[in-house]
Amino acid sequence: MALDARIRELGSRHQSLEQAIQDEMRRPYADDLKLRALKRQKLKLKEEIEALREKLH
């Protein structure tokens, strides 16, 4: 069940990145470069989660 634990860990990090994106977007002068970097990280995590889920099936 190591894959399950890894998926949960990545899911938690994915949620944290989503929160960081939302926080940055609420700022009056959001940093576009920071937003892009956060979104890129979030997408990479999503792709990794999906790849691991495919291995489970």
N, C-alpha and C. Protein backbone atom coordinates (compact mmCIF):
# COMPACT_ATOMS: atom_id res chain seq x y z
N MET A 1 0.81 -1.21 0.00
CA MET A 1 0.00 0.00 0.00
C MET A 1 0.85 1.27 0.00
N ALA A 2 2.09 1.16 -0.36
CA ALA A 2 2.98 2.33 -0.39
C ALA A 2 2.50 3.34 -1.43
N LEU A 3 1.92 2.84 -2.52
CA LEU A 3 1.41 3.76 -3.55
C LEU A 3 0.26 4.60 -3.01
N ASP A 4 -0.60 3.98 -2.22
CA ASP A 4 -1.72 4.72 -1.63
C ASP A 4 -1.22 5.87 -0.75
N ALA A 5 -0.21 5.58 0.05
CA ALA A 5 0.34 6.60 0.94
C ALA A 5 0.98 7.72 0.12
N ARG A 6 1.67 7.35 -0.94
CA ARG A 6 2.32 8.36 -1.80
C ARG A 6 1.26 9.23 -2.47
N ILE A 7 0.18 8.62 -2.93
CA ILE A 7 -0.90 9.38 -3.57
C ILE A 7 -1.52 10.35 -2.57
N ARG A 8 -1.74 9.90 -1.34
CA ARG A 8 -2.30 10.79 -0.31
C ARG A 8 -1.35 11.95 -0.02
N GLU A 9 -0.06 11.65 0.07
CA GLU A 9 0.93 12.69 0.33
C GLU A 9 0.93 13.73 -0.80
N LEU A 10 0.94 13.26 -2.03
CA LEU A 10 0.93 14.16 -3.17
C LEU A 10 -0.37 14.95 -3.23
N GLY A 11 -1.48 14.31 -2.87
CA GLY A 11 -2.77 14.99 -2.84
C GLY A 11 -2.78 16.12 -1.83
N SER A 12 -2.14 15.88 -0.69
CA SER A 12 -2.04 16.91 0.33
C SER A 12 -1.20 18.09 -0.16
N ARG A 13 -0.08 17.79 -0.81
CA ARG A 13 0.76 18.85 -1.37
C ARG A 13 0.01 19.61 -2.46
N HIS A 14 -0.78 18.88 -3.25
CA HIS A 14 -1.58 19.50 -4.32
C HIS A 14 -2.56 20.49 -3.72
N GLN A 15 -3.21 20.10 -2.62
CA GLN A 15 -4.16 20.99 -1.93
C GLN A 15 -3.45 22.22 -1.37
N SER A 16 -2.27 22.02 -0.83
CA SER A 16 -1.50 23.14 -0.27
C SER A 16 -1.14 24.14 -1.37
N LEU A 17 -0.77 23.62 -2.53
CA LEU A 17 -0.46 24.51 -3.65
C LEU A 17 -1.71 25.26 -4.10
N GLU A 18 -2.84 24.59 -4.12
CA GLU A 18 -4.09 25.26 -4.50
C GLU A 18 -4.38 26.40 -3.55
N GLN A 19 -4.16 26.16 -2.26
CA GLN A 19 -4.39 27.21 -1.26
C GLN A 19 -3.42 28.37 -1.47
N ALA A 20 -2.16 28.06 -1.76
CA ALA A 20 -1.17 29.11 -2.01
C ALA A 20 -1.54 29.93 -3.25
N ILE A 21 -2.07 29.27 -4.27
CA ILE A 21 -2.51 29.97 -5.49
C ILE A 21 -3.67 30.91 -5.15
N GLN A 22 -4.63 30.40 -4.41
CA GLN A 22 -5.78 31.22 -4.04
C GLN A 22 -5.36 32.42 -3.19
N ASP A 23 -4.44 32.18 -2.25
CA ASP A 23 -3.94 33.27 -1.41
C ASP A 23 -3.26 34.34 -2.25
N GLU A 24 -2.43 33.90 -3.19
CA GLU A 24 -1.71 34.87 -4.04
C GLU A 24 -2.69 35.65 -4.91
N MET A 25 -3.72 35.00 -5.41
CA MET A 25 -4.69 35.66 -6.28
C MET A 25 -5.51 36.70 -5.51
N ARG A 26 -5.65 36.50 -4.19
CA ARG A 26 -6.42 37.46 -3.39
C ARG A 26 -5.64 38.74 -3.10
N ARG A 27 -4.34 38.67 -3.26
CA ARG A 27 -3.52 39.85 -2.99
C ARG A 27 -3.82 40.94 -4.01
N PRO A 28 -3.77 42.19 -3.60
CA PRO A 28 -4.06 43.29 -4.53
C PRO A 28 -3.14 43.30 -5.75
N TYR A 29 -1.89 42.99 -5.55
CA TYR A 29 -0.93 42.96 -6.67
C TYR A 29 -0.28 41.58 -6.72
N ALA A 30 -1.04 40.63 -7.23
CA ALA A 30 -0.56 39.25 -7.31
C ALA A 30 0.69 39.17 -8.19
N ASP A 31 1.62 38.35 -7.79
CA ASP A 31 2.86 38.14 -8.53
C ASP A 31 2.61 37.08 -9.61
N ASP A 32 2.55 37.52 -10.86
CA ASP A 32 2.26 36.61 -11.96
C ASP A 32 3.29 35.50 -12.10
N LEU A 33 4.55 35.82 -11.89
CA LEU A 33 5.59 34.80 -12.00
C LEU A 33 5.43 33.74 -10.92
N LYS A 34 5.10 34.18 -9.72
CA LYS A 34 4.89 33.25 -8.62
C LYS A 34 3.67 32.37 -8.90
N LEU A 35 2.60 32.99 -9.41
CA LEU A 35 1.40 32.22 -9.74
C LEU A 35 1.69 31.15 -10.79
N ARG A 36 2.43 31.53 -11.83
CA ARG A 36 2.78 30.56 -12.87
C ARG A 36 3.58 29.41 -12.31
N ALA A 37 4.55 29.72 -11.45
CA ALA A 37 5.37 28.67 -10.86
C ALA A 37 4.53 27.73 -9.99
N LEU A 38 3.65 28.30 -9.19
CA LEU A 38 2.78 27.48 -8.34
C LEU A 38 1.86 26.59 -9.18
N LYS A 39 1.31 27.15 -10.23
CA LYS A 39 0.41 26.37 -11.09
C LYS A 39 1.16 25.26 -11.81
N ARG A 40 2.40 25.54 -12.20
CA ARG A 40 3.22 24.52 -12.87
C ARG A 40 3.50 23.37 -11.90
N GLN A 41 3.85 23.71 -10.66
CA GLN A 41 4.10 22.69 -9.64
C GLN A 41 2.85 21.85 -9.39
N LYS A 42 1.72 22.53 -9.32
CA LYS A 42 0.45 21.84 -9.06
C LYS A 42 0.13 20.87 -10.20
N LEU A 43 0.37 21.30 -11.43
CA LEU A 43 0.11 20.44 -12.59
C LEU A 43 1.03 19.22 -12.57
N LYS A 44 2.30 19.41 -12.23
CA LYS A 44 3.22 18.28 -12.16
C LYS A 44 2.77 17.27 -11.12
N LEU A 45 2.30 17.76 -9.98
CA LEU A 45 1.79 16.86 -8.95
C LEU A 45 0.57 16.10 -9.44
N LYS A 46 -0.33 16.81 -10.12
CA LYS A 46 -1.53 16.16 -10.64
C LYS A 46 -1.17 15.04 -11.61
N GLU A 47 -0.21 15.32 -12.48
CA GLU A 47 0.22 14.30 -13.44
C GLU A 47 0.84 13.10 -12.73
N GLU A 48 1.63 13.36 -11.70
CA GLU A 48 2.24 12.26 -10.95
C GLU A 48 1.18 11.44 -10.23
N ILE A 49 0.20 12.11 -9.65
CA ILE A 49 -0.90 11.40 -8.96
C ILE A 49 -1.64 10.51 -9.95
N GLU A 50 -1.96 11.05 -11.12
CA GLU A 50 -2.68 10.26 -12.13
C GLU A 50 -1.87 9.06 -12.58
N ALA A 51 -0.56 9.22 -12.75
CA ALA A 51 0.29 8.10 -13.16
C ALA A 51 0.31 7.02 -12.09
N LEU A 52 0.38 7.42 -10.83
CA LEU A 52 0.38 6.44 -9.75
C LEU A 52 -0.97 5.71 -9.65
N ARG A 53 -2.04 6.45 -9.86
CA ARG A 53 -3.38 5.81 -9.82
C ARG A 53 -3.52 4.79 -10.93
N GLU A 54 -2.93 5.06 -12.08
CA GLU A 54 -2.98 4.08 -13.18
C GLU A 54 -2.25 2.82 -12.81
N LYS A 55 -1.15 2.94 -12.05
CA LYS A 55 -0.40 1.76 -11.62
C LYS A 55 -1.21 0.88 -10.68
N LEU A 56 -2.14 1.50 -9.94
CA LEU A 56 -2.96 0.75 -9.01
C LEU A 56 -3.98 -0.14 -9.72
N HIS A 57 -4.34 0.26 -10.93
CA HIS A 57 -5.40 -0.48 -11.65
C HIS A 57 -4.86 -1.37 -12.70
